[in-house]
Amino acid sequence: MTPHVRTTLTILAVLAAAAPAAAQDRVLGLLSLPQVFGPRLCAPFEPEEIALHASPNDGRPIAHIRVDQNWSFAPHGGCEGLEVSVHQGGQRHMLPTLEFDYEMPGAIVLEHRDGWFRIRSGARSAWLKAPLSGRFMPLTELYEEFVGVTAIARSFTGQLSSTPSTAPGPIMPRVVAGQSVRVIESRDAWIRVEVLSNSACTAADDGPPEVIATGWLPLHDSEGEPTVWFSSRGC
């Protein structure tokens, strides 16, 4: 292989890693990264750099996740100021995250394979080796953990299905963004939900939530985003 060909292949690999995430990419869950976010909110920790790769087991990182600024602690209590970014060459940008607990962000997982996870990295995606102290939380596990504060995601409006498929069936009720639901079953790329009359958070004013419809929804919308999400901070 000539130096020219080797250089061309290297450039193509970097460009592929930097390409926008494909439309069919689906959010599978969240991955905690205690090396850069700490083990819990406001807990002192020693940051560690996380290498990002173009593919699993690729020995040459294409970027790194780094703590740009660690927690600062006020004399009266509390903490603030943690800043985490993706560094690539001379550029940096915020790491896309979603919360899996109160003010605890996790990386957004699009794929996983043999201990490696492909995560969103700005407009791109990249692979990282799962940290031993990290925890992968699939969507269905998060729904179970946050039962009572789950609702139709802001990006989704659709119709319930009588079965976990797109096959024609009885006409079922529609759901709209923000409507409270309870996930009661999952099957492949589908979830069975109970649509609730109101949120558990409004039970004091509206009474205990009542089930007004039951049916199946696709786990993801056409853009790969979850059709149901949860409030990591509770009510």
Protein backbone atom coordinates (compact mmCIF):
# COMPACT_ATOMS: atom_id res chain seq x y z
CA MET A 1 0.00 0.00 0.00
CA THR A 2 1.47 3.31 -1.08
CA PRO A 3 1.67 6.30 1.32
CA HIS A 4 -0.89 8.12 -0.85
CA VAL A 5 -3.43 5.27 -0.59
CA ARG A 6 -2.78 4.92 3.16
CA THR A 7 -3.40 8.63 3.69
CA THR A 8 -6.59 8.51 1.62
CA LEU A 9 -7.97 5.59 3.62
CA THR A 10 -7.19 7.37 6.89
CA ILE A 11 -9.04 10.50 5.74
CA LEU A 12 -12.05 8.43 4.64
CA ALA A 13 -12.18 6.68 8.03
CA VAL A 14 -12.17 9.99 9.88
CA LEU A 15 -14.83 11.42 7.58
CA ALA A 16 -17.03 8.36 8.11
CA ALA A 17 -16.72 8.74 11.87
CA ALA A 18 -17.61 12.42 11.58
CA ALA A 19 -20.65 11.84 9.39
CA PRO A 20 -24.07 12.73 10.77
CA ALA A 21 -25.86 9.90 12.54
CA ALA A 22 -28.07 7.96 10.13
CA ALA A 23 -31.80 8.61 10.21
CA GLN A 24 -32.43 4.98 11.16
CA ASP A 25 -30.27 5.24 14.28
CA ARG A 26 -32.45 4.46 17.27
CA VAL A 27 -31.93 5.51 20.87
CA LEU A 28 -31.45 2.26 22.82
CA GLY A 29 -30.83 3.72 26.26
CA LEU A 30 -28.40 5.72 28.38
CA LEU A 31 -24.88 5.00 29.62
CA SER A 32 -23.57 6.49 32.85
CA LEU A 33 -20.03 7.89 32.62
CA PRO A 34 -18.74 8.34 36.18
CA GLN A 35 -15.25 9.22 34.86
CA VAL A 36 -16.54 12.58 33.63
CA PHE A 37 -19.80 13.14 35.54
CA GLY A 38 -18.88 11.58 38.86
CA PRO A 39 -20.64 8.73 40.68
CA ARG A 40 -23.50 10.99 41.78
CA LEU A 41 -24.52 14.63 41.87
CA CYS A 42 -21.99 16.87 43.68
CA ALA A 43 -19.71 13.95 44.60
CA PRO A 44 -15.99 14.89 44.47
CA PHE A 45 -14.11 12.75 41.92
CA GLU A 46 -10.93 12.63 39.86
CA PRO A 47 -11.86 13.03 36.19
CA GLU A 48 -10.60 10.57 33.60
CA GLU A 49 -10.43 11.09 29.86
CA ILE A 50 -12.62 8.83 27.69
CA ALA A 51 -11.41 7.93 24.22
CA LEU A 52 -13.85 7.90 21.30
CA HIS A 53 -13.26 5.64 18.31
CA ALA A 54 -14.54 5.25 14.75
CA SER A 55 -15.33 1.57 15.41
CA PRO A 56 -15.07 -1.00 18.21
CA ASN A 57 -11.55 -2.20 19.03
CA ASP A 58 -10.05 0.58 16.91
CA GLY A 59 -6.77 1.45 18.58
CA ARG A 60 -6.62 5.05 17.34
CA PRO A 61 -9.01 7.50 19.09
CA ILE A 62 -10.69 10.09 16.88
CA ALA A 63 -11.75 12.28 19.82
CA HIS A 64 -11.91 12.40 23.62
CA ILE A 65 -14.52 13.24 26.25
CA ARG A 66 -12.93 15.48 28.89
CA VAL A 67 -13.92 17.44 31.96
CA ASP A 68 -13.16 21.06 31.15
CA GLN A 69 -14.18 22.27 34.58
CA ASN A 70 -14.80 20.20 37.71
CA TRP A 71 -17.36 20.85 40.42
CA SER A 72 -16.86 23.90 42.61
CA PHE A 73 -18.29 23.76 46.10
CA ALA A 74 -19.79 26.73 47.90
CA PRO A 75 -19.12 27.24 51.64
CA HIS A 76 -22.86 27.13 52.34
CA GLY A 77 -23.29 23.84 50.47
CA GLY A 78 -24.20 22.78 46.99
CA CYS A 79 -22.09 22.52 43.87
CA GLU A 80 -21.92 23.97 40.39
CA GLY A 81 -19.78 24.41 37.33
CA LEU A 82 -19.13 20.89 35.99
CA GLU A 83 -18.40 21.18 32.25
CA VAL A 84 -17.88 18.17 29.98
CA SER A 85 -17.02 18.39 26.28
CA VAL A 86 -15.96 16.30 23.30
CA HIS A 87 -12.53 17.37 22.05
CA GLN A 88 -11.56 16.61 18.46
CA GLY A 89 -8.47 18.23 17.05
CA GLY A 90 -8.53 21.86 18.07
CA GLN A 91 -12.33 21.92 18.41
CA ARG A 92 -14.67 21.03 21.20
CA HIS A 93 -18.42 20.77 21.66
CA MET A 94 -20.85 19.71 24.34
CA LEU A 95 -21.50 15.99 24.71
CA PRO A 96 -25.20 15.23 24.03
CA THR A 97 -26.78 13.70 27.14
CA LEU A 98 -30.10 12.90 28.77
CA GLU A 99 -30.74 12.54 32.49
CA PHE A 100 -31.25 9.09 34.03
CA ASP A 101 -31.57 10.48 37.57
CA TYR A 102 -31.89 13.87 39.21
CA GLU A 103 -29.33 16.06 37.38
CA MET A 104 -27.33 12.95 36.46
CA PRO A 105 -26.61 12.88 32.71
CA GLY A 106 -25.88 9.81 30.65
CA ALA A 107 -24.53 9.35 27.15
CA ILE A 108 -27.16 8.54 24.51
CA VAL A 109 -26.58 4.99 23.23
CA LEU A 110 -27.38 4.12 19.60
CA GLU A 111 -25.72 0.70 19.39
CA HIS A 112 -23.73 -1.68 21.57
CA ARG A 113 -21.49 -4.59 20.76
CA ASP A 114 -19.23 -6.72 22.97
CA GLY A 115 -18.74 -4.10 25.68
CA TRP A 116 -18.51 -1.19 23.21
CA PHE A 117 -21.16 1.50 22.88
CA ARG A 118 -21.86 3.85 20.00
CA ILE A 119 -23.08 7.14 21.40
CA ARG A 120 -24.20 10.49 20.05
CA SER A 121 -21.34 12.93 19.85
CA GLY A 122 -22.73 16.24 18.67
CA ALA A 123 -24.04 15.77 15.13
CA ARG A 124 -21.90 12.64 14.94
CA SER A 125 -21.67 9.28 16.63
CA ALA A 126 -18.60 7.48 17.98
CA TRP A 127 -17.71 4.33 19.89
CA LEU A 128 -16.35 4.04 23.41
CA LYS A 129 -15.34 1.12 25.58
CA ALA A 130 -17.77 0.76 28.46
CA PRO A 131 -16.20 1.80 31.77
CA LEU A 132 -16.18 -0.85 34.49
CA SER A 133 -18.01 1.57 36.77
CA GLY A 134 -20.48 2.59 34.07
CA ARG A 135 -24.04 1.33 33.75
CA PHE A 136 -26.04 0.81 30.60
CA MET A 137 -29.77 1.48 31.08
CA PRO A 138 -32.02 0.24 28.24
CA LEU A 139 -35.19 2.22 27.58
CA THR A 140 -37.46 -0.45 29.01
CA GLU A 141 -35.45 -0.54 32.24
CA LEU A 142 -35.76 3.24 32.56
CA TYR A 143 -39.52 3.00 32.02
CA GLU A 144 -39.77 0.49 34.87
CA GLU A 145 -37.68 2.68 37.15
CA PHE A 146 -39.70 5.80 36.48
CA VAL A 147 -43.18 4.27 36.43
CA GLY A 148 -45.72 6.95 37.30
CA VAL A 149 -43.85 9.79 35.61
CA THR A 150 -43.73 8.52 32.01
CA ALA A 151 -45.54 10.25 29.17
CA ILE A 152 -45.75 10.38 25.38
CA ALA A 153 -42.61 12.13 24.13
CA ARG A 154 -42.87 15.65 22.76
CA SER A 155 -41.89 14.48 19.27
CA PHE A 156 -44.59 11.82 18.94
CA THR A 157 -48.29 11.75 18.08
CA GLY A 158 -49.80 8.51 16.88
CA GLN A 159 -52.38 5.81 17.21
CA LEU A 160 -52.41 2.83 19.52
CA SER A 161 -52.29 -0.59 17.91
CA SER A 162 -54.17 -3.67 19.11
CA THR A 163 -51.10 -5.84 18.47
CA PRO A 164 -47.32 -5.25 18.41
CA SER A 165 -47.26 -4.81 14.63
CA THR A 166 -48.31 -2.50 11.83
CA ALA A 167 -50.89 -5.01 10.56
CA PRO A 168 -54.37 -3.52 10.07
CA GLY A 169 -56.68 -4.02 13.02
CA PRO A 170 -59.45 -2.37 15.02
CA ILE A 171 -59.44 1.42 15.13
CA MET A 172 -57.67 2.39 18.36
CA PRO A 173 -57.43 5.71 20.25
CA ARG A 174 -54.75 8.25 19.42
CA VAL A 175 -52.14 9.54 21.84
CA VAL A 176 -50.62 13.01 21.88
CA ALA A 177 -47.40 14.52 23.19
CA GLY A 178 -47.34 14.91 26.97
CA GLN A 179 -50.12 12.41 27.65
CA SER A 180 -49.42 10.30 30.74
CA VAL A 181 -48.88 6.59 30.13
CA ARG A 182 -47.63 3.55 31.97
CA VAL A 183 -45.43 1.03 30.12
CA ILE A 184 -46.60 -2.46 31.08
CA GLU A 185 -44.86 -4.70 28.53
CA SER A 186 -42.23 -4.65 25.82
CA ARG A 187 -41.84 -6.93 22.82
CA ASP A 188 -39.09 -6.42 20.26
CA ALA A 189 -39.54 -2.87 18.93
CA TRP A 190 -42.95 -2.36 20.56
CA ILE A 191 -44.23 -1.36 23.99
CA ARG A 192 -47.67 -1.94 25.48
CA VAL A 193 -48.94 1.06 27.40
CA GLU A 194 -51.83 2.07 29.57
CA VAL A 195 -52.98 5.58 28.71
CA LEU A 196 -53.86 7.43 31.92
CA SER A 197 -56.47 10.07 32.62
CA ASN A 198 -53.87 12.27 34.31
CA SER A 199 -50.36 12.21 35.75
CA ALA A 200 -49.59 10.80 39.17
CA CYS A 201 -48.11 14.23 39.82
CA THR A 202 -51.59 15.82 39.66
CA ALA A 203 -53.35 13.17 41.75
CA ALA A 204 -53.92 15.61 44.61
CA ASP A 205 -56.01 17.84 42.34
CA ASP A 206 -57.32 15.46 39.69
CA GLY A 207 -57.59 12.24 41.68
CA PRO A 208 -55.68 8.98 41.17
CA PRO A 209 -54.89 8.29 37.50
CA GLU A 210 -57.35 5.99 35.75
CA VAL A 211 -56.63 3.80 32.72
CA ILE A 212 -58.59 5.16 29.75
CA ALA A 213 -57.04 3.04 26.98
CA THR A 214 -54.55 0.21 26.47
CA GLY A 215 -52.59 -0.69 23.37
CA TRP A 216 -49.24 -1.00 21.64
CA LEU A 217 -46.91 1.73 20.40
CA PRO A 218 -43.68 1.49 18.43
CA LEU A 219 -40.72 1.94 20.76
CA HIS A 220 -39.30 4.60 18.40
CA ASP A 221 -40.69 7.23 16.08
CA SER A 222 -39.62 7.64 12.46
CA GLU A 223 -36.51 9.60 13.54
CA GLY A 224 -35.35 6.92 15.98
CA GLU A 225 -36.41 8.89 19.07
CA PRO A 226 -38.29 7.12 21.90
CA THR A 227 -42.06 7.49 21.70
CA VAL A 228 -42.28 7.52 25.51
CA TRP A 229 -40.04 9.40 27.92
CA PHE A 230 -39.85 9.96 31.67
CA SER A 231 -39.23 12.73 34.16
CA SER A 232 -35.85 12.04 35.78
CA ARG A 233 -36.61 14.63 38.46
CA GLY A 234 -40.00 13.23 39.38
CA CYS A 235 -43.01 15.51 39.67
